[in-house]
Protein backbone atom coordinates (compact mmCIF):
# COMPACT_ATOMS: atom_id res chain seq x y z
CA MET A 1 62.15 247.26 226.93
CA ALA A 2 63.02 248.21 230.67
CA ARG A 3 60.39 247.27 233.21
CA GLY A 4 59.09 249.31 236.28
CA SER A 5 61.63 248.19 238.91
CA GLY A 6 65.36 247.93 239.55
CA ILE A 7 68.10 248.13 242.03
CA ALA A 8 68.13 251.37 244.01
CA GLY A 9 71.19 250.51 246.23
CA TRP A 10 73.65 247.80 246.61
CA GLY A 11 75.94 246.66 249.40
CA ALA A 12 78.42 243.95 250.40
CA TYR A 13 80.16 242.58 253.40
CA ILE A 14 83.01 240.19 253.55
CA PRO A 15 84.76 239.01 256.86
CA ARG A 16 88.30 239.99 257.38
CA TYR A 17 89.88 236.63 258.18
CA ARG A 18 91.29 234.48 255.43
CA VAL A 19 92.65 230.97 255.17
CA LYS A 20 94.63 229.92 252.20
CA ALA A 21 93.67 226.90 250.04
CA SER A 22 97.29 225.73 250.38
CA GLU A 23 96.91 225.65 254.14
CA ILE A 24 93.71 223.44 253.95
CA ALA A 25 95.58 221.16 251.42
CA ARG A 26 98.60 220.83 253.75
CA VAL A 27 96.47 219.84 256.80
CA TRP A 28 94.55 217.18 254.90
CA GLY A 29 97.23 215.89 252.60
CA TRP A 30 95.69 217.08 249.36
CA GLU A 31 98.01 217.65 246.41
CA PRO A 32 98.48 221.40 245.66
CA SER A 33 97.16 220.73 242.23
CA VAL A 34 93.60 220.26 243.79
CA PRO A 35 92.88 223.81 244.89
CA ARG A 36 94.64 225.15 241.81
CA GLY A 37 92.22 222.94 239.68
CA LEU A 38 89.34 224.66 241.41
CA GLY A 39 90.63 228.06 240.74
CA VAL A 40 90.59 229.17 244.39
CA GLU A 41 93.46 230.75 246.26
CA GLU A 42 91.95 231.52 249.58
CA LYS A 43 88.62 231.98 251.26
CA ALA A 44 86.89 234.42 253.78
CA VAL A 45 86.09 233.03 257.18
CA ALA A 46 83.46 234.57 259.55
CA GLY A 47 84.89 235.50 262.97
CA PRO A 48 83.66 233.85 266.13
CA ASP A 49 81.18 236.72 266.72
CA GLU A 50 79.83 236.65 263.10
CA ASP A 51 77.12 234.58 261.47
CA SER A 52 74.91 234.94 258.37
CA VAL A 53 72.69 237.44 260.13
CA THR A 54 75.39 239.98 261.16
CA ILE A 55 76.89 239.55 257.73
CA GLY A 56 73.47 240.37 256.17
CA VAL A 57 72.96 243.36 258.39
CA GLU A 58 76.26 244.95 257.40
CA ALA A 59 75.66 244.36 253.63
CA ALA A 60 72.13 245.77 254.02
CA ARG A 61 73.40 248.86 255.81
CA ASN A 62 75.67 249.55 252.90
CA ALA A 63 72.78 249.08 250.42
CA ILE A 64 70.57 251.40 252.31
CA ARG A 65 73.24 254.08 252.41
CA ARG A 66 73.67 253.89 248.70
CA ALA A 67 69.90 254.10 248.15
CA SER A 68 69.53 256.86 250.71
CA VAL A 69 66.00 255.48 251.64
CA ASP A 70 64.40 255.88 254.84
CA PRO A 71 64.28 252.20 256.23
CA THR A 72 60.60 252.66 257.16
CA ARG A 73 59.74 252.91 253.49
CA ILE A 74 61.09 249.30 252.97
CA LYS A 75 58.06 247.11 253.14
CA ALA A 76 59.57 243.68 252.64
CA VAL A 77 62.76 241.94 253.81
CA PHE A 78 63.75 238.73 252.08
CA PHE A 79 66.66 236.86 253.64
CA GLY A 80 68.27 234.03 251.64
CA THR A 81 70.70 231.68 253.29
CA GLU A 82 71.43 227.97 253.84
CA SER A 83 73.34 228.61 257.08
CA LYS A 84 70.84 230.39 259.30
CA PRO A 85 71.78 230.58 262.97
CA TYR A 86 68.44 229.40 264.22
CA ALA A 87 66.64 226.18 263.05
CA VAL A 88 63.38 227.69 264.20
CA LYS A 89 63.47 231.57 264.34
CA PRO A 90 63.45 233.90 261.44
CA SER A 91 66.58 235.71 260.39
CA ALA A 92 64.71 238.39 258.37
CA THR A 93 63.08 239.83 261.48
CA ILE A 94 66.51 240.29 263.26
CA VAL A 95 67.84 242.08 260.19
CA ALA A 96 64.72 244.24 259.94
CA GLU A 97 64.64 245.25 263.56
CA ALA A 98 68.49 246.05 263.47
CA LEU A 99 67.97 248.33 260.45
CA GLY A 100 64.91 250.10 261.80
CA ILE A 101 62.52 248.59 259.16
CA THR A 102 60.00 247.01 261.66
CA PRO A 103 57.18 246.75 262.27
CA GLU A 104 55.27 247.60 259.18
CA THR A 105 57.00 245.14 256.84
CA MET A 106 56.92 241.70 255.49
CA ALA A 107 59.86 239.60 256.72
CA SER A 108 60.57 236.18 255.12
CA ASP A 109 63.46 233.62 255.21
CA LEU A 110 63.89 231.90 252.02
CA GLU A 111 65.56 228.60 251.05
CA PHE A 112 66.74 227.26 247.70
CA ALA A 113 70.32 226.44 248.37
CA CYS A 114 72.43 229.21 246.82
CA ARG A 115 69.41 230.69 244.79
CA ALA A 116 67.47 231.61 247.96
CA ALA A 117 68.49 235.36 247.80
CA SER A 118 67.60 235.43 244.09
CA GLU A 119 64.25 234.21 244.95
CA GLY A 120 63.87 237.25 247.09
CA MET A 121 64.95 239.52 244.34
CA ARG A 122 62.30 238.03 242.10
CA ALA A 123 59.61 238.40 244.66
CA GLY A 124 60.67 241.96 245.55
CA PHE A 125 60.58 243.14 241.90
CA ALA A 126 57.18 241.47 241.47
CA LEU A 127 55.70 243.19 244.55
CA ILE A 128 57.09 246.60 243.46
CA GLU A 129 55.81 246.25 239.87
CA ALA A 130 52.39 245.11 241.19
CA GLY A 131 52.07 248.30 243.29
CA TYR A 132 52.04 246.67 246.59
CA MET A 133 55.09 248.61 247.84
CA GLU A 134 57.71 251.14 246.78
CA TYR A 135 60.84 249.40 248.15
CA ALA A 136 62.04 246.04 249.24
CA LEU A 137 65.29 244.59 250.57
CA ALA A 138 66.82 241.20 249.30
CA ILE A 139 69.70 239.78 251.18
CA GLY A 140 71.96 236.84 250.45
CA ALA A 141 74.57 235.83 253.14
CA ASP A 142 76.20 232.70 254.26
CA THR A 143 78.86 231.15 256.54
CA ALA A 144 79.12 228.23 254.21
CA GLN A 145 79.73 224.79 255.70
CA ALA A 146 81.75 221.85 254.58
CA ASN A 147 82.88 218.63 256.19
CA PRO A 148 86.57 219.08 257.19
CA GLY A 149 88.79 217.35 254.62
CA ASP A 150 86.13 217.32 251.98
CA VAL A 151 86.97 218.98 248.63
CA LEU A 152 84.21 221.53 249.34
CA GLU A 153 86.27 222.88 252.20
CA PHE A 154 88.59 224.68 249.72
CA THR A 155 85.72 226.91 248.68
CA ALA A 156 82.97 227.04 251.35
CA ALA A 157 83.31 230.53 252.62
CA SER A 158 81.55 233.49 254.33
CA GLY A 159 80.09 236.66 252.99
CA GLY A 160 77.06 238.48 251.68
CA ALA A 161 75.36 241.03 249.47
CA ALA A 162 72.16 243.01 249.75
CA PHE A 163 70.09 245.11 247.32
CA VAL A 164 67.38 247.84 247.98
CA LEU A 165 64.91 247.13 245.14
CA GLY A 166 62.71 250.11 244.11
CA PRO A 167 60.92 251.83 241.24
CA ALA A 168 62.73 252.23 238.04
CA GLY A 169 62.89 255.92 238.34
CA ASP A 170 65.07 255.69 241.53
CA SER A 171 67.20 252.77 240.33
CA VAL A 172 70.99 252.46 239.53
CA ALA A 173 70.20 249.58 237.39
CA VAL A 174 66.67 248.98 235.86
CA LEU A 175 65.42 245.38 235.53
CA GLU A 176 64.96 244.57 231.78
CA GLY A 177 63.91 241.00 232.08
CA VAL A 178 64.15 237.80 234.12
CA TYR A 179 63.77 234.12 233.22
CA THR A 180 63.73 231.10 235.60
CA TYR A 181 64.58 227.51 234.93
CA ALA A 182 64.08 224.93 237.74
CA THR A 183 63.85 221.08 238.02
CA ASP A 184 64.19 218.45 240.76
CA THR A 185 67.90 217.66 240.26
CA PRO A 186 69.34 216.51 243.61
CA ASP A 187 72.98 217.33 243.19
CA PHE A 188 73.63 218.83 246.64
CA TRP A 189 71.76 218.43 249.91
CA ARG A 190 71.95 218.44 253.72
CA GLY A 191 69.66 216.41 255.92
CA ALA A 192 67.89 217.81 258.89
CA HIS A 193 70.32 216.47 261.50
CA SER A 194 73.50 216.65 259.38
CA PRO A 195 75.98 219.53 260.13
CA TYR A 196 77.46 219.43 256.72
CA PRO A 197 76.15 219.18 253.19
CA LEU A 198 76.66 216.20 250.83
CA HIS A 199 77.31 216.59 247.02
CA GLY A 200 76.96 214.47 243.94
CA GLU A 201 80.51 215.34 242.88
CA GLY A 202 80.63 215.18 239.05
CA PHE A 203 76.89 215.14 238.99
CA THR A 204 76.80 218.78 240.26
CA GLY A 205 78.26 219.94 237.00
CA GLU A 206 76.63 219.11 233.70
CA PRO A 207 73.07 218.08 234.77
CA ALA A 208 72.84 220.71 237.60
CA TYR A 209 75.03 223.85 237.32
CA PHE A 210 75.61 224.01 233.60
CA HIS A 211 72.31 222.73 232.34
CA HIS A 212 70.13 225.14 234.52
CA ILE A 213 72.29 228.19 234.02
CA GLU A 214 72.57 227.69 230.25
CA SER A 215 68.75 227.10 230.03
CA ALA A 216 67.96 230.13 232.01
CA VAL A 217 70.40 232.45 230.19
CA LYS A 218 69.20 231.16 226.84
CA GLY A 219 65.58 231.61 227.85
CA LEU A 220 66.28 235.13 229.03
CA MET A 221 68.11 236.17 225.75
CA GLU A 222 65.47 234.61 223.58
CA SER A 223 62.70 236.36 225.32
CA LEU A 224 64.39 239.73 225.04
CA GLY A 225 65.88 239.26 221.64
CA LEU A 226 69.39 239.71 222.92
CA ARG A 227 72.75 238.11 222.12
CA PRO A 228 76.03 237.80 224.40
CA ASP A 229 77.48 240.76 222.42
CA ASP A 230 74.64 242.94 223.81
CA PHE A 231 75.94 242.54 227.37
CA ASP A 232 78.85 244.42 228.89
CA TYR A 233 79.15 242.12 231.99
CA ALA A 234 78.14 238.48 232.76
CA VAL A 235 77.96 237.29 236.37
CA PHE A 236 77.34 233.53 237.05
CA HIS A 237 77.05 231.57 240.25
CA GLN A 238 80.58 230.80 241.51
CA PRO A 239 81.05 227.45 243.26
CA ASN A 240 84.72 227.76 242.26
CA GLY A 241 86.89 229.81 240.01
CA LYS A 242 86.50 227.58 236.90
CA PHE A 243 82.83 226.96 236.34
CA PRO A 244 81.75 230.63 235.59
CA LEU A 245 84.33 230.87 232.91
CA ARG A 246 83.38 227.54 231.39
CA VAL A 247 79.66 228.13 231.40
CA GLY A 248 80.28 231.63 229.98
CA LYS A 249 82.35 230.21 227.18
CA LYS A 250 79.64 227.68 226.35
CA LEU A 251 77.13 230.49 226.23
CA GLY A 252 79.31 232.70 224.05
CA PHE A 253 80.64 235.22 226.65
CA PRO A 254 84.28 236.12 226.57
CA LYS A 255 86.22 235.87 229.79
CA GLU A 256 86.74 239.63 229.71
CA LYS A 257 83.05 240.16 230.42
CA ILE A 258 83.06 237.56 233.29
CA LEU A 259 86.31 238.43 235.22
CA PRO A 260 85.00 241.81 236.59
CA GLY A 261 82.37 239.89 238.64
CA LEU A 262 84.40 236.87 239.52
CA VAL A 263 85.23 237.03 243.23
CA THR A 264 85.43 233.33 244.27
CA PRO A 265 89.24 232.90 243.50
CA MET A 266 89.87 235.64 246.24
CA ILE A 267 87.26 234.93 248.88
CA GLY A 268 85.77 231.46 248.00
CA ASN A 269 82.15 230.43 247.45
CA THR A 270 79.91 232.45 249.71
CA TYR A 271 76.84 230.39 248.57
CA ASN A 272 73.97 232.92 248.57
CA GLY A 273 76.42 235.76 248.36
CA SER A 274 78.24 234.24 245.34
CA ALA A 275 76.70 235.62 242.21
CA LEU A 276 75.26 238.61 244.17
CA LEU A 277 78.72 239.77 245.37
CA GLY A 278 79.82 239.42 241.79
CA LEU A 279 76.87 241.75 240.82
CA ALA A 280 77.75 244.08 243.61
CA ARG A 281 81.48 244.31 242.33
CA VAL A 282 80.23 245.03 238.81
CA LEU A 283 78.01 247.75 240.10
CA ASP A 284 81.04 249.18 241.77
CA GLN A 285 82.52 249.82 238.32
CA ALA A 286 79.70 249.82 235.79
CA LYS A 287 78.89 252.93 233.60
CA PRO A 288 75.48 254.32 232.65
CA GLY A 289 73.98 252.62 229.69
CA GLN A 290 75.76 249.27 230.17
CA ARG A 291 73.84 246.06 230.27
CA ILE A 292 74.56 243.36 232.96
CA LEU A 293 73.73 239.77 232.89
CA VAL A 294 73.42 237.91 236.32
CA ALA A 295 72.62 234.22 236.61
CA PRO A 296 72.56 232.87 240.19
CA PHE A 297 72.12 229.15 240.62
CA GLY A 298 70.87 226.97 243.46
CA SER A 299 71.38 223.29 243.89
CA GLY A 300 68.24 221.17 243.93
CA ALA A 301 68.20 222.77 241.21
CA GLY A 302 67.26 226.09 239.62
CA SER A 303 68.73 229.24 238.06
CA ASP A 304 67.33 232.80 237.55
CA ALA A 305 68.81 234.96 234.67
CA TYR A 306 68.45 238.68 234.91
CA SER A 307 69.15 241.54 232.58
CA PHE A 308 69.88 245.00 234.03
CA ILE A 309 70.50 248.31 232.40
CA VAL A 310 72.71 250.75 234.30
CA THR A 311 71.40 254.32 234.88
CA ASP A 312 72.92 257.74 235.46
CA LYS A 313 72.25 257.43 239.21
CA ILE A 314 74.95 254.96 239.69
CA GLU A 315 77.66 257.65 239.59
CA GLU A 316 76.30 259.62 242.55
CA ARG A 317 75.66 256.55 244.72
CA ARG A 318 78.72 254.48 244.07
CA ASP A 319 80.93 256.07 246.71
CA ARG A 320 78.41 256.16 249.61
CA ALA A 321 79.59 252.83 251.04
CA PRO A 322 82.60 250.50 250.81
CA LYS A 323 83.18 248.58 247.61
CA VAL A 324 83.58 244.85 247.26
CA ASP A 325 87.24 245.26 246.60
CA ASP A 326 87.72 247.29 249.88
CA TYR A 327 86.47 244.25 251.72
CA ILE A 328 88.57 241.80 249.63
CA GLU A 329 91.79 243.81 250.29
CA ALA A 330 91.22 244.18 254.07
CA LYS A 331 92.17 240.83 255.21
CA ARG A 332 94.07 238.99 257.93
CA TYR A 333 95.48 235.46 257.33
CA ILE A 334 94.89 232.76 259.88
CA ASP A 335 95.99 229.13 260.16
CA TYR A 336 93.84 226.04 259.95
CA ALA A 337 93.77 225.70 263.76
CA ALA A 338 92.44 229.20 264.28
CA TYR A 339 89.92 228.63 261.40
CA ALA A 340 88.64 225.38 262.93
CA LYS A 341 88.29 226.99 266.35
CA MET A 342 86.50 230.03 264.88
CA ARG A 343 83.97 227.81 262.99
CA SER A 344 83.68 225.16 265.77
CA LEU A 345 84.55 222.42 263.11
CA TYR A 346 84.59 218.71 263.81
CA VAL A 347 84.98 215.93 261.35
CA ARG A 348 81.84 214.04 260.36
CA ILE A 349 82.83 210.34 259.80
């Protein structure tokens, strides 16, 4: 049974610049089979004047356009990222100020690796259903980092998505249920003074990504009495182009339900924007009455599984802002030298 909150508007932003995975492999001497094995062709790169905040602002503007909500009615801004521009200074206040949401609003920066923005969605839905506010804004944006030459560099990308959350009666997709599964599984981390994250390589797969997403999705379906056949779309966290298809198969979802939300092969892993950009792409094409499964994942580790039911309002709001594919197609290729200069990269030995 549908609950009392949902998504009133959605938006995305992906930087224009792209670097091909084959270019990264050429510079560092990787075999071409490595990026092919990850299922990644190229990745989006933030320009020299872009960061996670500017990306979040652009995505949020698109979400607010679709929702057609006066920004002053948004009483909470949750900003999820693991590449914030300031170590000590909130990003959420910058976004809220730029969008005309301040001063009567909550503003919080959230952290849980790639699941931080999903935490914001859970909090926003809870606050709306509890009657504390009518609308909230959840944003996931990153300019993902990777040590140059590390395998993560093939996928660590830039981009973000934002969602205006509101009452069910004003939603394009009503929240049907949510289930969270979290443990202390240290598969991916970055120390306080380290510029780049470290990862447990194979450990990031079965005990982290797969176990947590499978557990969250199974818990959600059991709580709602649903099966994979009941969903029209399935969107999973996308650290590469292979894991979402593999976890979907393990859970019983055919690839035809996963591919519409799979964006990583074309733009890379945008961390907090990963699953949420997939959700935005699905909303760009979903029809009223369809059911969407979304399962973000954050290293450390935890996963949320959501079920949404699309409403008639989606048809009138879809064309109010650029679609995810509009940003995917608007691209300009750069070489590794330009990429390194834009992102101020240096090798961590």
